[in-house]
Amino acid sequence: MTKVSVLYPNGVDTRFDMDYYLGKHMPMVQAKLGAACKKVEVDHGLGGGQPGAPPPFVAACHLHFDSVDAFQQAFGPHAETIMSDIPNYTNAQPTVLVSEIKW
């Protein structure tokens, strides 16, 4: 199983509209990726590793696919549409991690 994690770094001036993200962006992403996307998780950062520390990431999204190829085939045709929506909910520059789930 392949997981694609999109991590949105937190910062002093970071803006993130979770309502837009959950209500508009993620439904659009799911519709574009279709059945190739097996599972979706969205995290909202609450804190860092130390008590009272701010979260290093304001949000994260985890998309599950059968393989890297399945992700690339589903995402590729819609990459521009999906990526162009980012400014509508955040000014953070997301980091993407493609990984293989081991456990």
N, C-alpha and C. Protein backbone atom coordinates (compact mmCIF):
# COMPACT_ATOMS: atom_id res chain seq x y z
N MET A 1 0.86 -1.18 0.00
CA MET A 1 0.00 0.00 0.00
C MET A 1 0.90 1.23 0.00
N THR A 2 0.55 2.20 -0.84
CA THR A 2 1.27 3.46 -0.95
C THR A 2 0.47 4.56 -0.28
N LYS A 3 1.16 5.39 0.48
CA LYS A 3 0.51 6.53 1.14
C LYS A 3 1.16 7.81 0.63
N VAL A 4 0.33 8.76 0.25
CA VAL A 4 0.79 10.08 -0.15
C VAL A 4 0.36 11.04 0.94
N SER A 5 1.34 11.62 1.63
CA SER A 5 1.06 12.56 2.71
C SER A 5 1.37 13.96 2.23
N VAL A 6 0.44 14.86 2.43
CA VAL A 6 0.62 16.27 2.09
C VAL A 6 0.64 17.02 3.42
N LEU A 7 1.80 17.57 3.76
CA LEU A 7 2.01 18.22 5.06
C LEU A 7 2.08 19.73 4.87
N TYR A 8 1.29 20.44 5.66
CA TYR A 8 1.22 21.89 5.57
C TYR A 8 1.93 22.50 6.78
N PRO A 9 3.16 23.03 6.59
CA PRO A 9 3.93 23.56 7.71
C PRO A 9 3.24 24.74 8.38
N ASN A 10 3.39 24.78 9.69
CA ASN A 10 2.83 25.87 10.48
C ASN A 10 3.87 26.98 10.58
N GLY A 11 3.40 28.19 10.74
CA GLY A 11 4.29 29.34 10.91
C GLY A 11 3.53 30.51 11.50
N VAL A 12 4.26 31.54 11.83
CA VAL A 12 3.67 32.72 12.47
C VAL A 12 2.55 33.31 11.61
N ASP A 13 2.75 33.38 10.31
CA ASP A 13 1.77 34.00 9.42
C ASP A 13 0.98 32.98 8.59
N THR A 14 1.00 31.73 9.01
CA THR A 14 0.30 30.70 8.23
C THR A 14 -1.20 30.85 8.35
N ARG A 15 -1.84 30.84 7.17
CA ARG A 15 -3.30 30.87 7.08
C ARG A 15 -3.74 29.51 6.55
N PHE A 16 -4.73 28.91 7.22
CA PHE A 16 -5.28 27.64 6.75
C PHE A 16 -6.77 27.62 7.06
N ASP A 17 -7.60 27.55 6.01
CA ASP A 17 -9.05 27.54 6.16
C ASP A 17 -9.53 26.09 6.13
N MET A 18 -9.65 25.48 7.33
CA MET A 18 -10.03 24.08 7.44
C MET A 18 -11.44 23.84 6.90
N ASP A 19 -12.35 24.79 7.06
CA ASP A 19 -13.70 24.62 6.54
C ASP A 19 -13.69 24.48 5.01
N TYR A 20 -12.92 25.34 4.34
CA TYR A 20 -12.81 25.24 2.88
C TYR A 20 -12.14 23.93 2.50
N TYR A 21 -11.08 23.58 3.21
CA TYR A 21 -10.32 22.37 2.91
C TYR A 21 -11.22 21.13 2.98
N LEU A 22 -11.98 21.03 4.06
CA LEU A 22 -12.85 19.86 4.25
C LEU A 22 -14.11 19.91 3.40
N GLY A 23 -14.64 21.10 3.19
CA GLY A 23 -15.90 21.23 2.48
C GLY A 23 -15.81 21.33 0.97
N LYS A 24 -14.67 21.80 0.47
CA LYS A 24 -14.53 22.00 -0.98
C LYS A 24 -13.32 21.28 -1.57
N HIS A 25 -12.14 21.52 -0.97
CA HIS A 25 -10.92 20.97 -1.59
C HIS A 25 -10.91 19.44 -1.55
N MET A 26 -11.09 18.87 -0.38
CA MET A 26 -10.99 17.42 -0.26
C MET A 26 -12.08 16.68 -1.05
N PRO A 27 -13.34 17.14 -1.06
CA PRO A 27 -14.32 16.47 -1.93
C PRO A 27 -13.92 16.54 -3.41
N MET A 28 -13.34 17.66 -3.83
CA MET A 28 -12.88 17.78 -5.22
C MET A 28 -11.75 16.80 -5.49
N VAL A 29 -10.79 16.71 -4.56
CA VAL A 29 -9.68 15.78 -4.71
C VAL A 29 -10.18 14.35 -4.81
N GLN A 30 -11.08 13.97 -3.92
CA GLN A 30 -11.62 12.61 -3.94
C GLN A 30 -12.33 12.32 -5.25
N ALA A 31 -13.10 13.28 -5.74
CA ALA A 31 -13.81 13.08 -7.01
C ALA A 31 -12.82 12.92 -8.17
N LYS A 32 -11.76 13.70 -8.18
CA LYS A 32 -10.78 13.62 -9.26
C LYS A 32 -9.99 12.31 -9.21
N LEU A 33 -9.60 11.87 -8.01
CA LEU A 33 -8.80 10.66 -7.88
C LEU A 33 -9.62 9.39 -8.06
N GLY A 34 -10.90 9.48 -7.76
CA GLY A 34 -11.80 8.35 -7.98
C GLY A 34 -11.46 7.13 -7.15
N ALA A 35 -11.78 5.95 -7.71
CA ALA A 35 -11.63 4.69 -6.99
C ALA A 35 -10.18 4.32 -6.73
N ALA A 36 -9.23 4.97 -7.41
CA ALA A 36 -7.81 4.69 -7.16
C ALA A 36 -7.41 5.06 -5.74
N CYS A 37 -8.08 6.05 -5.18
CA CYS A 37 -7.80 6.48 -3.81
C CYS A 37 -8.64 5.62 -2.87
N LYS A 38 -7.98 4.79 -2.10
CA LYS A 38 -8.65 3.80 -1.25
C LYS A 38 -9.09 4.34 0.11
N LYS A 39 -8.39 5.35 0.60
CA LYS A 39 -8.68 5.89 1.93
C LYS A 39 -8.11 7.29 2.01
N VAL A 40 -8.80 8.16 2.75
CA VAL A 40 -8.34 9.54 2.96
C VAL A 40 -8.42 9.86 4.45
N GLU A 41 -7.38 10.49 4.97
CA GLU A 41 -7.37 10.97 6.34
C GLU A 41 -6.90 12.42 6.33
N VAL A 42 -7.52 13.25 7.15
CA VAL A 42 -7.10 14.65 7.29
C VAL A 42 -6.83 14.89 8.77
N ASP A 43 -5.64 15.42 9.07
CA ASP A 43 -5.25 15.75 10.43
C ASP A 43 -5.20 17.26 10.60
N HIS A 44 -5.62 17.73 11.77
CA HIS A 44 -5.50 19.15 12.13
C HIS A 44 -4.50 19.22 13.27
N GLY A 45 -3.37 19.89 13.06
CA GLY A 45 -2.32 19.97 14.07
C GLY A 45 -2.77 20.69 15.33
N LEU A 46 -2.48 20.07 16.48
CA LEU A 46 -2.85 20.66 17.77
C LEU A 46 -1.65 21.10 18.60
N GLY A 47 -0.53 20.42 18.46
CA GLY A 47 0.64 20.76 19.26
C GLY A 47 1.87 20.05 18.77
N GLY A 48 3.00 20.45 19.35
CA GLY A 48 4.28 19.84 19.01
C GLY A 48 4.67 18.77 20.01
N GLY A 49 5.92 18.37 19.98
CA GLY A 49 6.40 17.29 20.83
C GLY A 49 6.49 17.64 22.30
N GLN A 50 6.63 18.91 22.62
CA GLN A 50 6.72 19.36 24.01
C GLN A 50 5.40 20.00 24.42
N PRO A 51 5.02 19.87 25.70
CA PRO A 51 3.79 20.51 26.16
C PRO A 51 3.78 22.01 25.86
N GLY A 52 2.70 22.46 25.26
CA GLY A 52 2.55 23.87 24.94
C GLY A 52 3.22 24.32 23.65
N ALA A 53 3.96 23.43 23.02
CA ALA A 53 4.64 23.79 21.76
C ALA A 53 3.62 23.84 20.62
N PRO A 54 3.78 24.77 19.70
CA PRO A 54 2.86 24.83 18.56
C PRO A 54 3.10 23.63 17.64
N PRO A 55 2.08 23.24 16.89
CA PRO A 55 2.26 22.12 15.97
C PRO A 55 3.21 22.50 14.83
N PRO A 56 4.11 21.59 14.44
CA PRO A 56 4.99 21.90 13.32
C PRO A 56 4.23 21.95 12.00
N PHE A 57 3.09 21.30 11.96
CA PHE A 57 2.24 21.30 10.76
C PHE A 57 0.83 21.71 11.18
N VAL A 58 0.24 22.64 10.43
CA VAL A 58 -1.11 23.09 10.74
C VAL A 58 -2.13 22.03 10.31
N ALA A 59 -1.78 21.26 9.29
CA ALA A 59 -2.67 20.20 8.80
C ALA A 59 -1.86 19.20 7.99
N ALA A 60 -2.46 18.03 7.80
CA ALA A 60 -1.87 17.00 6.96
C ALA A 60 -2.99 16.19 6.33
N CYS A 61 -2.74 15.72 5.14
CA CYS A 61 -3.68 14.86 4.44
C CYS A 61 -2.93 13.60 4.04
N HIS A 62 -3.57 12.45 4.20
CA HIS A 62 -2.96 11.17 3.85
C HIS A 62 -3.90 10.44 2.89
N LEU A 63 -3.39 10.16 1.71
CA LEU A 63 -4.16 9.49 0.66
C LEU A 63 -3.55 8.11 0.43
N HIS A 64 -4.37 7.08 0.40
CA HIS A 64 -3.88 5.70 0.27
C HIS A 64 -4.22 5.15 -1.12
N PHE A 65 -3.23 4.51 -1.73
CA PHE A 65 -3.37 3.92 -3.06
C PHE A 65 -2.76 2.52 -3.05
N ASP A 66 -3.13 1.71 -4.02
CA ASP A 66 -2.55 0.37 -4.13
C ASP A 66 -1.07 0.41 -4.47
N SER A 67 -0.63 1.44 -5.20
CA SER A 67 0.76 1.52 -5.64
C SER A 67 1.11 2.96 -6.01
N VAL A 68 2.40 3.20 -6.19
CA VAL A 68 2.85 4.52 -6.66
C VAL A 68 2.28 4.78 -8.05
N ASP A 69 2.28 3.77 -8.89
CA ASP A 69 1.75 3.91 -10.24
C ASP A 69 0.27 4.28 -10.23
N ALA A 70 -0.49 3.66 -9.34
CA ALA A 70 -1.92 3.98 -9.23
C ALA A 70 -2.12 5.44 -8.83
N PHE A 71 -1.28 5.92 -7.90
CA PHE A 71 -1.34 7.34 -7.52
C PHE A 71 -1.01 8.23 -8.71
N GLN A 72 0.08 7.95 -9.39
CA GLN A 72 0.52 8.80 -10.49
C GLN A 72 -0.51 8.84 -11.61
N GLN A 73 -1.12 7.71 -11.92
CA GLN A 73 -2.13 7.67 -12.98
C GLN A 73 -3.39 8.44 -12.59
N ALA A 74 -3.76 8.39 -11.31
CA ALA A 74 -4.96 9.09 -10.85
C ALA A 74 -4.71 10.59 -10.70
N PHE A 75 -3.55 10.95 -10.19
CA PHE A 75 -3.24 12.35 -9.90
C PHE A 75 -2.81 13.14 -11.13
N GLY A 76 -1.99 12.54 -11.97
CA GLY A 76 -1.40 13.23 -13.11
C GLY A 76 -2.34 14.06 -13.95
N PRO A 77 -3.46 13.50 -14.40
CA PRO A 77 -4.36 14.28 -15.25
C PRO A 77 -5.04 15.44 -14.53
N HIS A 78 -5.04 15.43 -13.20
CA HIS A 78 -5.75 16.45 -12.42
C HIS A 78 -4.81 17.31 -11.58
N ALA A 79 -3.51 17.10 -11.74
CA ALA A 79 -2.53 17.80 -10.90
C ALA A 79 -2.71 19.32 -10.93
N GLU A 80 -2.86 19.88 -12.11
CA GLU A 80 -2.97 21.34 -12.22
C GLU A 80 -4.22 21.86 -11.51
N THR A 81 -5.33 21.20 -11.66
CA THR A 81 -6.58 21.62 -11.01
C THR A 81 -6.46 21.53 -9.50
N ILE A 82 -5.93 20.42 -9.02
CA ILE A 82 -5.80 20.22 -7.57
C ILE A 82 -4.82 21.23 -6.99
N MET A 83 -3.67 21.38 -7.61
CA MET A 83 -2.65 22.28 -7.08
C MET A 83 -3.07 23.75 -7.16
N SER A 84 -3.82 24.12 -8.18
CA SER A 84 -4.22 25.52 -8.32
C SER A 84 -5.26 25.94 -7.28
N ASP A 85 -5.84 24.98 -6.58
CA ASP A 85 -6.82 25.30 -5.54
C ASP A 85 -6.15 25.63 -4.20
N ILE A 86 -4.88 25.31 -4.04
CA ILE A 86 -4.19 25.50 -2.75
C ILE A 86 -4.31 26.93 -2.22
N PRO A 87 -4.11 27.98 -3.02
CA PRO A 87 -4.21 29.34 -2.47
C PRO A 87 -5.60 29.69 -1.92
N ASN A 88 -6.61 28.92 -2.28
CA ASN A 88 -7.95 29.18 -1.76
C ASN A 88 -8.10 28.82 -0.28
N TYR A 89 -7.19 28.00 0.26
CA TYR A 89 -7.32 27.62 1.67
C TYR A 89 -6.05 27.84 2.50
N THR A 90 -4.90 28.06 1.86
CA THR A 90 -3.70 28.28 2.67
C THR A 90 -2.64 29.08 1.91
N ASN A 91 -1.77 29.69 2.69
CA ASN A 91 -0.59 30.33 2.13
C ASN A 91 0.67 29.50 2.43
N ALA A 92 0.49 28.33 3.05
CA ALA A 92 1.61 27.44 3.35
C ALA A 92 2.03 26.69 2.08
N GLN A 93 3.30 26.43 1.96
CA GLN A 93 3.83 25.63 0.85
C GLN A 93 3.87 24.18 1.31
N PRO A 94 2.99 23.32 0.79
CA PRO A 94 2.93 21.95 1.28
C PRO A 94 4.16 21.13 0.89
N THR A 95 4.47 20.17 1.74
CA THR A 95 5.50 19.18 1.50
C THR A 95 4.80 17.86 1.23
N VAL A 96 5.23 17.14 0.20
CA VAL A 96 4.60 15.87 -0.16
C VAL A 96 5.59 14.73 0.13
N LEU A 97 5.09 13.69 0.78
CA LEU A 97 5.86 12.48 1.04
C LEU A 97 5.10 11.30 0.46
N VAL A 98 5.73 10.58 -0.47
CA VAL A 98 5.16 9.35 -1.00
C VAL A 98 5.89 8.22 -0.29
N SER A 99 5.12 7.34 0.38
CA SER A 99 5.75 6.29 1.17
C SER A 99 5.04 4.96 1.00
N GLU A 100 5.73 3.93 1.42
CA GLU A 100 5.16 2.59 1.42
C GLU A 100 4.81 2.24 2.87
N ILE A 101 3.57 1.83 3.11
CA ILE A 101 3.15 1.46 4.44
C ILE A 101 3.74 0.09 4.76
N LYS A 102 4.49 0.01 5.84
CA LYS A 102 5.17 -1.22 6.23
C LYS A 102 4.47 -1.94 7.38
N TRP A 103 3.76 -1.17 8.21
CA TRP A 103 3.14 -1.82 9.36
C TRP A 103 1.84 -1.15 9.68
